Amino acid sequence: MKNVETKFGTAVSCILSDPDGAGSINIFLPKAIRMNDVDIETYNLGIVPPISLIYKGLNRRSFIIDFE
């Protein structure tokens, strides 16, 4: 996970891996999700347990996302 600059501003980029090892994709989290560099570094070092990003639908034009 890392913060990257895009033409739309700063975004959080993540790699989602298939648990069966079949591949991975690079995604950008919705703009509403902001993480500072210290939190990202802590997460990347494995100090905190992995989290699941859960898509719960749309509210008008916004994604409803939860973490577990």
PDB file of N, CA and C in Angstrom:
ATOM      1  N   MET A   1       0.856  -1.156   0.000  1.00  0.00           N
ATOM      2  CA  MET A   1       0.000   0.000   0.000  1.00  0.00           C
ATOM      3  C   MET A   1       0.907   1.224   0.000  1.00  0.00           C
ATOM      4  N   LYS A   2       0.478   2.281  -0.742  1.00  0.00           N
ATOM      5  CA  LYS A   2       1.261   3.518  -0.762  1.00  0.00           C
ATOM      6  C   LYS A   2       0.388   4.680  -1.218  1.00  0.00           C
ATOM      7  N   ASN A   3       0.801   5.882  -0.844  1.00  0.00           N
ATOM      8  CA  ASN A   3       0.178   7.099  -1.340  1.00  0.00           C
ATOM      9  C   ASN A   3       0.832   7.449  -2.665  1.00  0.00           C
ATOM     10  N   VAL A   4       0.038   7.771  -3.664  1.00  0.00           N
ATOM     11  CA  VAL A   4       0.562   8.179  -4.962  1.00  0.00           C
ATOM     12  C   VAL A   4      -0.152   9.446  -5.409  1.00  0.00           C
ATOM     13  N   GLU A   5       0.571  10.263  -6.152  1.00  0.00           N
ATOM     14  CA  GLU A   5      -0.020  11.480  -6.714  1.00  0.00           C
ATOM     15  C   GLU A   5      -0.607  11.153  -8.080  1.00  0.00           C
ATOM     16  N   THR A   6      -1.865  11.513  -8.279  1.00  0.00           N
ATOM     17  CA  THR A   6      -2.525  11.345  -9.571  1.00  0.00           C
ATOM     18  C   THR A   6      -2.970  12.723 -10.052  1.00  0.00           C
ATOM     19  N   LYS A   7      -3.492  12.777 -11.246  1.00  0.00           N
ATOM     20  CA  LYS A   7      -3.970  14.073 -11.735  1.00  0.00           C
ATOM     21  C   LYS A   7      -5.194  14.551 -10.956  1.00  0.00           C
ATOM     22  N   PHE A   8      -5.791  13.664 -10.143  1.00  0.00           N
ATOM     23  CA  PHE A   8      -6.941  14.020  -9.318  1.00  0.00           C
ATOM     24  C   PHE A   8      -6.557  14.288  -7.871  1.00  0.00           C
ATOM     25  N   GLY A   9      -5.265  14.217  -7.544  1.00  0.00           N
ATOM     26  CA  GLY A   9      -4.795  14.436  -6.181  1.00  0.00           C
ATOM     27  C   GLY A   9      -4.165  13.178  -5.612  1.00  0.00           C
ATOM     28  N   THR A  10      -3.917  13.176  -4.311  1.00  0.00           N
ATOM     29  CA  THR A  10      -3.300  12.039  -3.646  1.00  0.00           C
ATOM     30  C   THR A  10      -4.312  10.905  -3.498  1.00  0.00           C
ATOM     31  N   ALA A  11      -3.867   9.678  -3.785  1.00  0.00           N
ATOM     32  CA  ALA A  11      -4.726   8.501  -3.661  1.00  0.00           C
ATOM     33  C   ALA A  11      -3.936   7.376  -3.007  1.00  0.00           C
ATOM     34  N   VAL A  12      -4.655   6.458  -2.381  1.00  0.00           N
ATOM     35  CA  VAL A  12      -4.030   5.284  -1.779  1.00  0.00           C
ATOM     36  C   VAL A  12      -4.106   4.152  -2.798  1.00  0.00           C
ATOM     37  N   SER A  13      -2.937   3.606  -3.133  1.00  0.00           N
ATOM     38  CA  SER A  13      -2.845   2.510  -4.083  1.00  0.00           C
ATOM     39  C   SER A  13      -2.545   1.225  -3.323  1.00  0.00           C
ATOM     40  N   CYS A  14      -3.232   0.144  -3.679  1.00  0.00           N
ATOM     41  CA  CYS A  14      -3.055  -1.152  -3.019  1.00  0.00           C
ATOM     42  C   CYS A  14      -2.913  -2.245  -4.065  1.00  0.00           C
ATOM     43  N   ILE A  15      -2.297  -3.329  -3.660  1.00  0.00           N
ATOM     44  CA  ILE A  15      -2.243  -4.518  -4.499  1.00  0.00           C
ATOM     45  C   ILE A  15      -3.111  -5.578  -3.845  1.00  0.00           C
ATOM     46  N   LEU A  16      -4.106  -6.049  -4.585  1.00  0.00           N
ATOM     47  CA  LEU A  16      -4.960  -7.126  -4.109  1.00  0.00           C
ATOM     48  C   LEU A  16      -4.448  -8.425  -4.711  1.00  0.00           C
ATOM     49  N   SER A  17      -4.143  -9.380  -3.847  1.00  0.00           N
ATOM     50  CA  SER A  17      -3.600 -10.663  -4.295  1.00  0.00           C
ATOM     51  C   SER A  17      -4.632 -11.764  -4.154  1.00  0.00           C
ATOM     52  N   ASP A  18      -4.626 -12.657  -5.116  1.00  0.00           N
ATOM     53  CA  ASP A  18      -5.482 -13.841  -5.052  1.00  0.00           C
ATOM     54  C   ASP A  18      -4.896 -14.787  -4.012  1.00  0.00           C
ATOM     55  N   PRO A  19      -5.688 -15.208  -3.012  1.00  0.00           N
ATOM     56  CA  PRO A  19      -5.151 -16.087  -1.970  1.00  0.00           C
ATOM     57  C   PRO A  19      -4.640 -17.420  -2.514  1.00  0.00           C
ATOM     58  N   ASP A  20      -5.097 -17.832  -3.696  1.00  0.00           N
ATOM     59  CA  ASP A  20      -4.626 -19.075  -4.293  1.00  0.00           C
ATOM     60  C   ASP A  20      -3.345 -18.873  -5.094  1.00  0.00           C
ATOM     61  N   GLY A  21      -2.856 -17.623  -5.133  1.00  0.00           N
ATOM     62  CA  GLY A  21      -1.599 -17.339  -5.820  1.00  0.00           C
ATOM     63  C   GLY A  21      -1.731 -17.209  -7.330  1.00  0.00           C
ATOM     64  N   ALA A  22      -2.950 -17.040  -7.827  1.00  0.00           N
ATOM     65  CA  ALA A  22      -3.165 -16.987  -9.272  1.00  0.00           C
ATOM     66  C   ALA A  22      -2.862 -15.619  -9.879  1.00  0.00           C
ATOM     67  N   GLY A  23      -2.661 -14.599  -9.078  1.00  0.00           N
ATOM     68  CA  GLY A  23      -2.368 -13.289  -9.634  1.00  0.00           C
ATOM     69  C   GLY A  23      -2.691 -12.172  -8.668  1.00  0.00           C
ATOM     70  N   SER A  24      -2.513 -10.938  -9.139  1.00  0.00           N
ATOM     71  CA  SER A  24      -2.813  -9.768  -8.318  1.00  0.00           C
ATOM     72  C   SER A  24      -3.177  -8.603  -9.226  1.00  0.00           C
ATOM     73  N   ILE A  25      -3.864  -7.611  -8.652  1.00  0.00           N
ATOM     74  CA  ILE A  25      -4.207  -6.397  -9.380  1.00  0.00           C
ATOM     75  C   ILE A  25      -3.879  -5.187  -8.514  1.00  0.00           C
ATOM     76  N   ASN A  26      -3.544  -4.100  -9.171  1.00  0.00           N
ATOM     77  CA  ASN A  26      -3.268  -2.835  -8.494  1.00  0.00           C
ATOM     78  C   ASN A  26      -4.543  -2.004  -8.549  1.00  0.00           C
ATOM     79  N   ILE A  27      -5.012  -1.521  -7.397  1.00  0.00           N
ATOM     80  CA  ILE A  27      -6.238  -0.729  -7.351  1.00  0.00           C
ATOM     81  C   ILE A  27      -5.988   0.583  -6.611  1.00  0.00           C
ATOM     82  N   PHE A  28      -6.857   1.546  -6.837  1.00  0.00           N
ATOM     83  CA  PHE A  28      -6.848   2.799  -6.096  1.00  0.00           C
ATOM     84  C   PHE A  28      -8.092   2.822  -5.223  1.00  0.00           C
ATOM     85  N   LEU A  29      -7.911   3.107  -3.951  1.00  0.00           N
ATOM     86  CA  LEU A  29      -9.043   3.206  -3.037  1.00  0.00           C
ATOM     87  C   LEU A  29      -9.825   4.481  -3.340  1.00  0.00           C
ATOM     88  N   PRO A  30     -11.119   4.531  -2.983  1.00  0.00           N
ATOM     89  CA  PRO A  30     -11.915   5.738  -3.212  1.00  0.00           C
ATOM     90  C   PRO A  30     -11.275   6.969  -2.556  1.00  0.00           C
ATOM     91  N   LYS A  31     -11.511   8.140  -3.161  1.00  0.00           N
ATOM     92  CA  LYS A  31     -10.921   9.393  -2.667  1.00  0.00           C
ATOM     93  C   LYS A  31     -11.221   9.657  -1.203  1.00  0.00           C
ATOM     94  N   ALA A  32     -12.365   9.189  -0.710  1.00  0.00           N
ATOM     95  CA  ALA A  32     -12.752   9.441   0.676  1.00  0.00           C
ATOM     96  C   ALA A  32     -11.827   8.739   1.670  1.00  0.00           C
ATOM     97  N   ILE A  33     -11.074   7.740   1.219  1.00  0.00           N
ATOM     98  CA  ILE A  33     -10.170   7.013   2.112  1.00  0.00           C
ATOM     99  C   ILE A  33      -8.804   7.672   2.068  1.00  0.00           C
ATOM    100  N   ARG A  34      -8.408   8.232   3.183  1.00  0.00           N
ATOM    101  CA  ARG A  34      -7.119   8.914   3.316  1.00  0.00           C
ATOM    102  C   ARG A  34      -6.295   8.204   4.369  1.00  0.00           C
ATOM    103  N   MET A  35      -5.024   8.007   4.099  1.00  0.00           N
ATOM    104  CA  MET A  35      -4.112   7.404   5.075  1.00  0.00           C
ATOM    105  C   MET A  35      -2.807   8.186   5.032  1.00  0.00           C
ATOM    106  N   ASN A  36      -2.256   8.466   6.217  1.00  0.00           N
ATOM    107  CA  ASN A  36      -0.978   9.170   6.219  1.00  0.00           C
ATOM    108  C   ASN A  36       0.150   8.148   6.014  1.00  0.00           C
ATOM    109  N   ASP A  37       1.340   8.655   5.681  1.00  0.00           N
ATOM    110  CA  ASP A  37       2.470   7.786   5.357  1.00  0.00           C
ATOM    111  C   ASP A  37       2.888   6.898   6.523  1.00  0.00           C
ATOM    112  N   VAL A  38       2.749   7.383   7.751  1.00  0.00           N
ATOM    113  CA  VAL A  38       3.123   6.579   8.927  1.00  0.00           C
ATOM    114  C   VAL A  38       2.195   5.369   9.063  1.00  0.00           C
ATOM    115  N   ASP A  39       0.890   5.585   8.898  1.00  0.00           N
ATOM    116  CA  ASP A  39      -0.066   4.473   8.979  1.00  0.00           C
ATOM    117  C   ASP A  39       0.182   3.448   7.870  1.00  0.00           C
ATOM    118  N   ILE A  40       0.499   3.920   6.680  1.00  0.00           N
ATOM    119  CA  ILE A  40       0.780   3.015   5.563  1.00  0.00           C
ATOM    120  C   ILE A  40       2.050   2.217   5.838  1.00  0.00           C
ATOM    121  N   GLU A  41       3.073   2.878   6.325  1.00  0.00           N
ATOM    122  CA  GLU A  41       4.335   2.186   6.653  1.00  0.00           C
ATOM    123  C   GLU A  41       4.103   1.117   7.716  1.00  0.00           C
ATOM    124  N   THR A  42       3.338   1.454   8.757  1.00  0.00           N
ATOM    125  CA  THR A  42       3.026   0.494   9.818  1.00  0.00           C
ATOM    126  C   THR A  42       2.283  -0.706   9.247  1.00  0.00           C
ATOM    127  N   TYR A  43       1.314  -0.446   8.384  1.00  0.00           N
ATOM    128  CA  TYR A  43       0.553  -1.532   7.766  1.00  0.00           C
ATOM    129  C   TYR A  43       1.465  -2.405   6.898  1.00  0.00           C
ATOM    130  N   ASN A  44       2.307  -1.773   6.087  1.00  0.00           N
ATOM    131  CA  ASN A  44       3.186  -2.518   5.185  1.00  0.00           C
ATOM    132  C   ASN A  44       4.209  -3.368   5.930  1.00  0.00           C
ATOM    133  N   LEU A  45       4.620  -2.947   7.125  1.00  0.00           N
ATOM    134  CA  LEU A  45       5.575  -3.719   7.917  1.00  0.00           C
ATOM    135  C   LEU A  45       4.927  -4.943   8.571  1.00  0.00           C
ATOM    136  N   GLY A  46       3.610  -5.032   8.509  1.00  0.00           N
ATOM    137  CA  GLY A  46       2.916  -6.183   9.079  1.00  0.00           C
ATOM    138  C   GLY A  46       2.670  -6.069  10.569  1.00  0.00           C
ATOM    139  N   ILE A  47       2.821  -4.854  11.121  1.00  0.00           N
ATOM    140  CA  ILE A  47       2.611  -4.642  12.554  1.00  0.00           C
ATOM    141  C   ILE A  47       1.130  -4.746  12.908  1.00  0.00           C
ATOM    142  N   VAL A  48       0.273  -4.401  11.977  1.00  0.00           N
ATOM    143  CA  VAL A  48      -1.173  -4.531  12.181  1.00  0.00           C
ATOM    144  C   VAL A  48      -1.658  -5.702  11.332  1.00  0.00           C
ATOM    145  N   PRO A  49      -2.716  -6.367  11.764  1.00  0.00           N
ATOM    146  CA  PRO A  49      -3.207  -7.506  10.980  1.00  0.00           C
ATOM    147  C   PRO A  49      -3.798  -7.044   9.640  1.00  0.00           C
ATOM    148  N   PRO A  50      -3.804  -7.922   8.645  1.00  0.00           N
ATOM    149  CA  PRO A  50      -4.417  -7.558   7.360  1.00  0.00           C
ATOM    150  C   PRO A  50      -5.886  -7.198   7.549  1.00  0.00           C
ATOM    151  N   ILE A  51      -6.379  -6.323   6.689  1.00  0.00           N
ATOM    152  CA  ILE A  51      -7.782  -5.929   6.745  1.00  0.00           C
ATOM    153  C   ILE A  51      -8.465  -6.300   5.437  1.00  0.00           C
ATOM    154  N   SER A  52      -9.751  -6.505   5.515  1.00  0.00           N
ATOM    155  CA  SER A  52     -10.541  -6.792   4.323  1.00  0.00           C
ATOM    156  C   SER A  52     -11.343  -5.557   3.956  1.00  0.00           C
ATOM    157  N   LEU A  53     -11.322  -5.212   2.693  1.00  0.00           N
ATOM    158  CA  LEU A  53     -12.106  -4.108   2.157  1.00  0.00           C
ATOM    159  C   LEU A  53     -13.416  -4.707   1.657  1.00  0.00           C
ATOM    160  N   ILE A  54     -14.531  -4.217   2.172  1.00  0.00           N
ATOM    161  CA  ILE A  54     -15.823  -4.793   1.840  1.00  0.00           C
ATOM    162  C   ILE A  54     -16.674  -3.769   1.101  1.00  0.00           C
ATOM    163  N   TYR A  55     -17.040  -4.111  -0.113  1.00  0.00           N
ATOM    164  CA  TYR A  55     -17.903  -3.261  -0.929  1.00  0.00           C
ATOM    165  C   TYR A  55     -19.354  -3.545  -0.552  1.00  0.00           C
ATOM    166  N   LYS A  56     -20.074  -2.482  -0.148  1.00  0.00           N
ATOM    167  CA  LYS A  56     -21.456  -2.664   0.307  1.00  0.00           C
ATOM    168  C   LYS A  56     -22.473  -2.002  -0.608  1.00  0.00           C
ATOM    169  N   GLY A  57     -22.044  -1.525  -1.757  1.00  0.00           N
ATOM    170  CA  GLY A  57     -22.981  -0.952  -2.712  1.00  0.00           C
ATOM    171  C   GLY A  57     -22.690   0.505  -3.018  1.00  0.00           C
ATOM    172  N   LEU A  58     -23.673   1.158  -3.615  1.00  0.00           N
ATOM    173  CA  LEU A  58     -23.553   2.564  -3.999  1.00  0.00           C
ATOM    174  C   LEU A  58     -24.576   3.408  -3.252  1.00  0.00           C
ATOM    175  N   ASN A  59     -24.189   4.642  -2.949  1.00  0.00           N
ATOM    176  CA  ASN A  59     -25.096   5.643  -2.413  1.00  0.00           C
ATOM    177  C   ASN A  59     -25.011   6.830  -3.363  1.00  0.00           C
ATOM    178  N   ARG A  60     -25.981   6.945  -4.238  1.00  0.00           N
ATOM    179  CA  ARG A  60     -25.947   7.914  -5.339  1.00  0.00           C
ATOM    180  C   ARG A  60     -24.748   7.595  -6.207  1.00  0.00           C
ATOM    181  N   ARG A  61     -23.714   8.417  -6.214  1.00  0.00           N
ATOM    182  CA  ARG A  61     -22.524   8.143  -7.031  1.00  0.00           C
ATOM    183  C   ARG A  61     -21.312   7.784  -6.184  1.00  0.00           C
ATOM    184  N   SER A  62     -21.504   7.500  -4.908  1.00  0.00           N
ATOM    185  CA  SER A  62     -20.396   7.164  -4.013  1.00  0.00           C
ATOM    186  C   SER A  62     -20.441   5.686  -3.642  1.00  0.00           C
ATOM    187  N   PHE A  63     -19.259   5.086  -3.549  1.00  0.00           N
ATOM    188  CA  PHE A  63     -19.157   3.708  -3.102  1.00  0.00           C
ATOM    189  C   PHE A  63     -19.324   3.637  -1.592  1.00  0.00           C
ATOM    190  N   ILE A  64     -20.014   2.614  -1.114  1.00  0.00           N
ATOM    191  CA  ILE A  64     -20.103   2.367   0.316  1.00  0.00           C
ATOM    192  C   ILE A  64     -19.077   1.260   0.608  1.00  0.00           C
ATOM    193  N   ILE A  65     -18.041   1.617   1.353  1.00  0.00           N
ATOM    194  CA  ILE A  65     -16.928   0.712   1.646  1.00  0.00           C
ATOM    195  C   ILE A  65     -16.814   0.558   3.163  1.00  0.00           C
ATOM    196  N   ASP A  66     -16.549  -0.645   3.622  1.00  0.00           N
ATOM    197  CA  ASP A  66     -16.318  -0.892   5.034  1.00  0.00           C
ATOM    198  C   ASP A  66     -15.061  -1.734   5.160  1.00  0.00           C
ATOM    199  N   PHE A  67     -14.468  -1.726   6.332  1.00  0.00           N
ATOM    200  CA  PHE A  67     -13.273  -2.512   6.594  1.00  0.00           C
ATOM    201  C   PHE A  67     -13.576  -3.524   7.692  1.00  0.00           C
ATOM    202  N   GLU A  68     -12.979  -4.685   7.591  1.00  0.00           N
ATOM    203  CA  GLU A  68     -13.175  -5.721   8.593  1.00  0.00           C
ATOM    204  C   GLU A  68     -11.841  -6.344   8.939  1.00  0.00           C
TER     205      GLU A  68
END
